Amino acid sequence: MNELIKTFKQNDGSVAVDGRDLHDFLEVDTQYTKWIDRMIEYGFTENVDFTSFSQKSLKPSGGRPQVNHALTLDMAKELSMIQRTKKGKQARQYFISMEKQAKAQPQLPLPKDYPSALRALANSVEENQKLKPAADYTQKMLANPGLETTSMIAKNYGMSTAKF
């Protein structure tokens, strides 16, 4: 599904929604600053559900920096759910489908206990040790500036590799 509401990764790796983008998408008539203040009153907590940040305005005359908000996906979903508009419904359906997609992604099984985790680690180390000589050889060959493939050598001698 195409991204209906733009998301972005934050420094901590979490995914967030730009408050102004959500406001614009939902086609809320109220000014952003008044709307977000009213929405925060629903029990959202700063630095948990959202973070505030300033960004320079594109107004040529200057003025105060524009305050914006990075909303968690959960907060964006909740705000969409309380908007009683067609766009609010569209956003709700979008978030629900994105959540279903995320849950459908196959998850790697986690070891159930410490000994199982150690065995899985040892197995991966053993597998890496088996593959290391081939990887080292490949790296060595690729680093050689005079490397010629079998096909190139055959061509230089006027032979086709199809004969091999």
C-alpha atoms as a PDB file:
ATOM      1  CA  MET A   1       0.000   0.000   0.000  1.00  0.00           C
ATOM      2  CA  ASN A   2       1.304   3.464  -0.828  1.00  0.00           C
ATOM      3  CA  GLU A   3       2.193   5.746   2.045  1.00  0.00           C
ATOM      4  CA  LEU A   4      -0.974   7.756   2.657  1.00  0.00           C
ATOM      5  CA  ILE A   5       0.443   9.771   5.517  1.00  0.00           C
ATOM      6  CA  LYS A   6       4.155  10.469   5.379  1.00  0.00           C
ATOM      7  CA  THR A   7       6.221   8.912   8.153  1.00  0.00           C
ATOM      8  CA  PHE A   8       9.859   9.364   9.063  1.00  0.00           C
ATOM      9  CA  LYS A   9      12.460   7.635  11.224  1.00  0.00           C
ATOM     10  CA  GLN A  10      13.576   9.451  14.326  1.00  0.00           C
ATOM     11  CA  ASN A  11      17.109   9.366  15.735  1.00  0.00           C
ATOM     12  CA  ASP A  12      16.141   6.543  18.106  1.00  0.00           C
ATOM     13  CA  GLY A  13      14.915   4.416  15.175  1.00  0.00           C
ATOM     14  CA  SER A  14      11.216   4.781  15.934  1.00  0.00           C
ATOM     15  CA  VAL A  15       8.770   5.783  13.215  1.00  0.00           C
ATOM     16  CA  ALA A  16       6.862   9.044  13.616  1.00  0.00           C
ATOM     17  CA  VAL A  17       4.318  11.216  11.833  1.00  0.00           C
ATOM     18  CA  ASP A  18       4.749  14.953  11.312  1.00  0.00           C
ATOM     19  CA  GLY A  19       1.919  16.678  13.203  1.00  0.00           C
ATOM     20  CA  ARG A  20       1.387  19.314  10.531  1.00  0.00           C
ATOM     21  CA  ASP A  21       1.277  16.684   7.785  1.00  0.00           C
ATOM     22  CA  LEU A  22      -1.408  14.777   9.704  1.00  0.00           C
ATOM     23  CA  HIS A  23      -3.339  18.009  10.334  1.00  0.00           C
ATOM     24  CA  ASP A  24      -3.208  18.868   6.622  1.00  0.00           C
ATOM     25  CA  PHE A  25      -4.186  15.352   5.555  1.00  0.00           C
ATOM     26  CA  LEU A  26      -7.171  15.285   7.890  1.00  0.00           C
ATOM     27  CA  GLU A  27      -8.261  18.646   6.428  1.00  0.00           C
ATOM     28  CA  VAL A  28      -8.862  20.110   9.866  1.00  0.00           C
ATOM     29  CA  ASP A  29     -10.296  23.630   9.646  1.00  0.00           C
ATOM     30  CA  THR A  30      -8.819  24.776  12.969  1.00  0.00           C
ATOM     31  CA  GLN A  31      -5.370  26.403  12.948  1.00  0.00           C
ATOM     32  CA  TYR A  32      -2.648  23.807  13.622  1.00  0.00           C
ATOM     33  CA  THR A  33      -1.394  25.261  16.914  1.00  0.00           C
ATOM     34  CA  LYS A  34      -4.907  25.441  18.392  1.00  0.00           C
ATOM     35  CA  TRP A  35      -5.805  21.981  17.069  1.00  0.00           C
ATOM     36  CA  ILE A  36      -2.672  20.248  18.416  1.00  0.00           C
ATOM     37  CA  ASP A  37      -3.048  21.903  21.832  1.00  0.00           C
ATOM     38  CA  ARG A  38      -6.645  20.657  21.995  1.00  0.00           C
ATOM     39  CA  MET A  39      -5.602  17.158  20.867  1.00  0.00           C
ATOM     40  CA  ILE A  40      -2.830  16.960  23.485  1.00  0.00           C
ATOM     41  CA  GLU A  41      -5.494  17.562  26.150  1.00  0.00           C
ATOM     42  CA  TYR A  42      -6.852  14.067  25.383  1.00  0.00           C
ATOM     43  CA  GLY A  43      -4.123  12.753  27.682  1.00  0.00           C
ATOM     44  CA  PHE A  44      -1.022  12.625  25.522  1.00  0.00           C
ATOM     45  CA  THR A  45       2.371  13.093  27.170  1.00  0.00           C
ATOM     46  CA  GLU A  46       5.286  15.029  25.714  1.00  0.00           C
ATOM     47  CA  ASN A  47       8.421  12.930  25.097  1.00  0.00           C
ATOM     48  CA  VAL A  48       6.265   9.789  25.283  1.00  0.00           C
ATOM     49  CA  ASP A  49       3.512  10.270  22.694  1.00  0.00           C
ATOM     50  CA  PHE A  50       5.047  13.212  20.857  1.00  0.00           C
ATOM     51  CA  THR A  51       8.040  15.518  20.798  1.00  0.00           C
ATOM     52  CA  SER A  52       7.976  19.200  20.006  1.00  0.00           C
ATOM     53  CA  PHE A  53      10.567  20.857  17.840  1.00  0.00           C
ATOM     54  CA  SER A  54      11.084  24.222  16.180  1.00  0.00           C
ATOM     55  CA  GLN A  55      11.714  24.759  12.523  1.00  0.00           C
ATOM     56  CA  LYS A  56      12.443  27.921  10.617  1.00  0.00           C
ATOM     57  CA  SER A  57       9.515  29.410   8.798  1.00  0.00           C
ATOM     58  CA  LEU A  58       9.615  30.026   5.078  1.00  0.00           C
ATOM     59  CA  LYS A  59       8.266  33.539   5.641  1.00  0.00           C
ATOM     60  CA  PRO A  60      10.719  36.042   4.161  1.00  0.00           C
ATOM     61  CA  SER A  61      10.030  38.603   6.917  1.00  0.00           C
ATOM     62  CA  GLY A  62      11.336  36.309   9.666  1.00  0.00           C
ATOM     63  CA  GLY A  63       9.357  35.932  12.850  1.00  0.00           C
ATOM     64  CA  ARG A  64       9.346  33.197  15.454  1.00  0.00           C
ATOM     65  CA  PRO A  65      10.315  29.655  14.529  1.00  0.00           C
ATOM     66  CA  GLN A  66       7.360  27.400  13.780  1.00  0.00           C
ATOM     67  CA  VAL A  67       6.659  24.774  16.452  1.00  0.00           C
ATOM     68  CA  ASN A  68       5.988  21.319  15.094  1.00  0.00           C
ATOM     69  CA  HIS A  69       5.443  17.872  16.597  1.00  0.00           C
ATOM     70  CA  ALA A  70       6.731  14.393  15.865  1.00  0.00           C
ATOM     71  CA  LEU A  71       3.847  12.100  16.768  1.00  0.00           C
ATOM     72  CA  THR A  72       4.180   8.413  17.569  1.00  0.00           C
ATOM     73  CA  LEU A  73       2.198   6.146  15.260  1.00  0.00           C
ATOM     74  CA  ASP A  74      -0.129   5.332  18.148  1.00  0.00           C
ATOM     75  CA  MET A  75      -0.860   9.006  18.775  1.00  0.00           C
ATOM     76  CA  ALA A  76      -1.408   9.632  15.049  1.00  0.00           C
ATOM     77  CA  LYS A  77      -3.848   6.696  14.953  1.00  0.00           C
ATOM     78  CA  GLU A  78      -5.740   7.994  17.973  1.00  0.00           C
ATOM     79  CA  LEU A  79      -5.953  11.506  16.548  1.00  0.00           C
ATOM     80  CA  SER A  80      -7.252  10.074  13.270  1.00  0.00           C
ATOM     81  CA  MET A  81      -9.839   8.055  15.158  1.00  0.00           C
ATOM     82  CA  ILE A  82     -11.353  11.101  16.825  1.00  0.00           C
ATOM     83  CA  GLN A  83     -11.578  13.151  13.621  1.00  0.00           C
ATOM     84  CA  ARG A  84     -15.130  12.718  12.388  1.00  0.00           C
ATOM     85  CA  THR A  85     -14.432  13.377   8.722  1.00  0.00           C
ATOM     86  CA  LYS A  86     -14.032  11.302   5.561  1.00  0.00           C
ATOM     87  CA  LYS A  87     -10.288  11.893   5.763  1.00  0.00           C
ATOM     88  CA  GLY A  88     -10.299  10.750   9.383  1.00  0.00           C
ATOM     89  CA  LYS A  89     -11.950   7.491   8.350  1.00  0.00           C
ATOM     90  CA  GLN A  90      -9.492   7.087   5.472  1.00  0.00           C
ATOM     91  CA  ALA A  91      -6.582   7.617   7.886  1.00  0.00           C
ATOM     92  CA  ARG A  92      -8.015   5.082  10.360  1.00  0.00           C
ATOM     93  CA  GLN A  93      -8.324   2.459   7.626  1.00  0.00           C
ATOM     94  CA  TYR A  94      -4.777   3.238   6.454  1.00  0.00           C
ATOM     95  CA  PHE A  95      -3.262   2.828   9.917  1.00  0.00           C
ATOM     96  CA  ILE A  96      -5.196  -0.392  10.481  1.00  0.00           C
ATOM     97  CA  SER A  97      -3.941  -1.860   7.194  1.00  0.00           C
ATOM     98  CA  MET A  98      -0.351  -0.788   7.947  1.00  0.00           C
ATOM     99  CA  GLU A  99      -0.582  -2.481  11.341  1.00  0.00           C
ATOM    100  CA  LYS A 100      -1.872  -5.681   9.703  1.00  0.00           C
ATOM    101  CA  GLN A 101       1.051  -5.607   7.245  1.00  0.00           C
ATOM    102  CA  ALA A 102       3.552  -5.156  10.067  1.00  0.00           C
ATOM    103  CA  LYS A 103       2.057  -8.053  12.035  1.00  0.00           C
ATOM    104  CA  ALA A 104       2.117 -10.273   8.930  1.00  0.00           C
ATOM    105  CA  GLN A 105       5.902  -9.869   8.538  1.00  0.00           C
ATOM    106  CA  PRO A 106       7.674 -13.092   9.495  1.00  0.00           C
ATOM    107  CA  GLN A 107       9.522 -12.783  12.770  1.00  0.00           C
ATOM    108  CA  LEU A 108      12.732 -14.640  13.511  1.00  0.00           C
ATOM    109  CA  PRO A 109      12.234 -17.082  16.353  1.00  0.00           C
ATOM    110  CA  LEU A 110      13.989 -15.988  19.506  1.00  0.00           C
ATOM    111  CA  PRO A 111      15.764 -18.519  21.693  1.00  0.00           C
ATOM    112  CA  LYS A 112      13.646 -19.478  24.687  1.00  0.00           C
ATOM    113  CA  ASP A 113      16.463 -19.644  27.209  1.00  0.00           C
ATOM    114  CA  TYR A 114      20.103 -18.759  27.723  1.00  0.00           C
ATOM    115  CA  PRO A 115      21.566 -22.149  26.653  1.00  0.00           C
ATOM    116  CA  SER A 116      19.519 -22.039  23.427  1.00  0.00           C
ATOM    117  CA  ALA A 117      20.779 -18.530  22.733  1.00  0.00           C
ATOM    118  CA  LEU A 118      24.383 -19.640  23.255  1.00  0.00           C
ATOM    119  CA  ARG A 119      23.888 -22.637  20.932  1.00  0.00           C
ATOM    120  CA  ALA A 120      22.397 -20.392  18.220  1.00  0.00           C
ATOM    121  CA  LEU A 121      25.346 -18.020  18.560  1.00  0.00           C
ATOM    122  CA  ALA A 122      27.853 -20.884  18.403  1.00  0.00           C
ATOM    123  CA  ASN A 123      26.128 -22.287  15.297  1.00  0.00           C
ATOM    124  CA  SER A 124      26.328 -18.929  13.530  1.00  0.00           C
ATOM    125  CA  VAL A 125      30.023 -18.597  14.464  1.00  0.00           C
ATOM    126  CA  GLU A 126      30.692 -22.130  13.155  1.00  0.00           C
ATOM    127  CA  GLU A 127      28.878 -21.328   9.905  1.00  0.00           C
ATOM    128  CA  ASN A 128      30.893 -18.112   9.520  1.00  0.00           C
ATOM    129  CA  GLN A 129      34.132 -20.044  10.112  1.00  0.00           C
ATOM    130  CA  LYS A 130      33.190 -22.523   7.365  1.00  0.00           C
ATOM    131  CA  LEU A 131      32.493 -19.699   4.907  1.00  0.00           C
ATOM    132  CA  LYS A 132      35.490 -17.529   5.867  1.00  0.00           C
ATOM    133  CA  PRO A 133      38.104 -19.213   3.593  1.00  0.00           C
ATOM    134  CA  ALA A 134      35.897 -18.859   0.505  1.00  0.00           C
ATOM    135  CA  ALA A 135      35.112 -15.238   1.393  1.00  0.00           C
ATOM    136  CA  ASP A 136      38.807 -14.449   1.967  1.00  0.00           C
ATOM    137  CA  TYR A 137      39.756 -16.053  -1.365  1.00  0.00           C
ATOM    138  CA  THR A 138      37.030 -14.132  -3.208  1.00  0.00           C
ATOM    139  CA  GLN A 139      38.137 -10.847  -1.637  1.00  0.00           C
ATOM    140  CA  LYS A 140      41.762 -11.573  -2.553  1.00  0.00           C
ATOM    141  CA  MET A 141      40.845 -12.363  -6.176  1.00  0.00           C
ATOM    142  CA  LEU A 142      38.614  -9.313  -6.527  1.00  0.00           C
ATOM    143  CA  ALA A 143      41.338  -7.062  -5.122  1.00  0.00           C
ATOM    144  CA  ASN A 144      43.732  -8.260  -7.867  1.00  0.00           C
ATOM    145  CA  PRO A 145      43.828  -5.549 -10.578  1.00  0.00           C
ATOM    146  CA  GLY A 146      45.119  -8.033 -13.183  1.00  0.00           C
ATOM    147  CA  LEU A 147      42.300 -10.506 -12.620  1.00  0.00           C
ATOM    148  CA  GLU A 148      41.048 -12.188 -15.781  1.00  0.00           C
ATOM    149  CA  THR A 149      38.092 -14.524 -15.876  1.00  0.00           C
ATOM    150  CA  THR A 150      38.155 -17.872 -17.665  1.00  0.00           C
ATOM    151  CA  SER A 151      35.924 -16.359 -20.340  1.00  0.00           C
ATOM    152  CA  MET A 152      38.357 -13.491 -20.920  1.00  0.00           C
ATOM    153  CA  ILE A 153      41.340 -15.891 -21.210  1.00  0.00           C
ATOM    154  CA  ALA A 154      39.431 -18.125 -23.641  1.00  0.00           C
ATOM    155  CA  LYS A 155      38.466 -15.137 -25.747  1.00  0.00           C
ATOM    156  CA  ASN A 156      42.113 -13.969 -25.873  1.00  0.00           C
ATOM    157  CA  TYR A 157      43.055 -17.398 -27.285  1.00  0.00           C
ATOM    158  CA  GLY A 158      40.207 -17.306 -29.787  1.00  0.00           C
ATOM    159  CA  MET A 159      38.211 -19.950 -28.028  1.00  0.00           C
ATOM    160  CA  SER A 160      34.590 -19.917 -26.974  1.00  0.00           C
ATOM    161  CA  THR A 161      33.722 -20.820 -23.392  1.00  0.00           C
ATOM    162  CA  ALA A 162      30.905 -22.957 -24.816  1.00  0.00           C
ATOM    163  CA  LYS A 163      33.533 -25.579 -25.743  1.00  0.00           C
ATOM    164  CA  PHE A 164      34.509 -26.090 -22.102  1.00  0.00           C
END
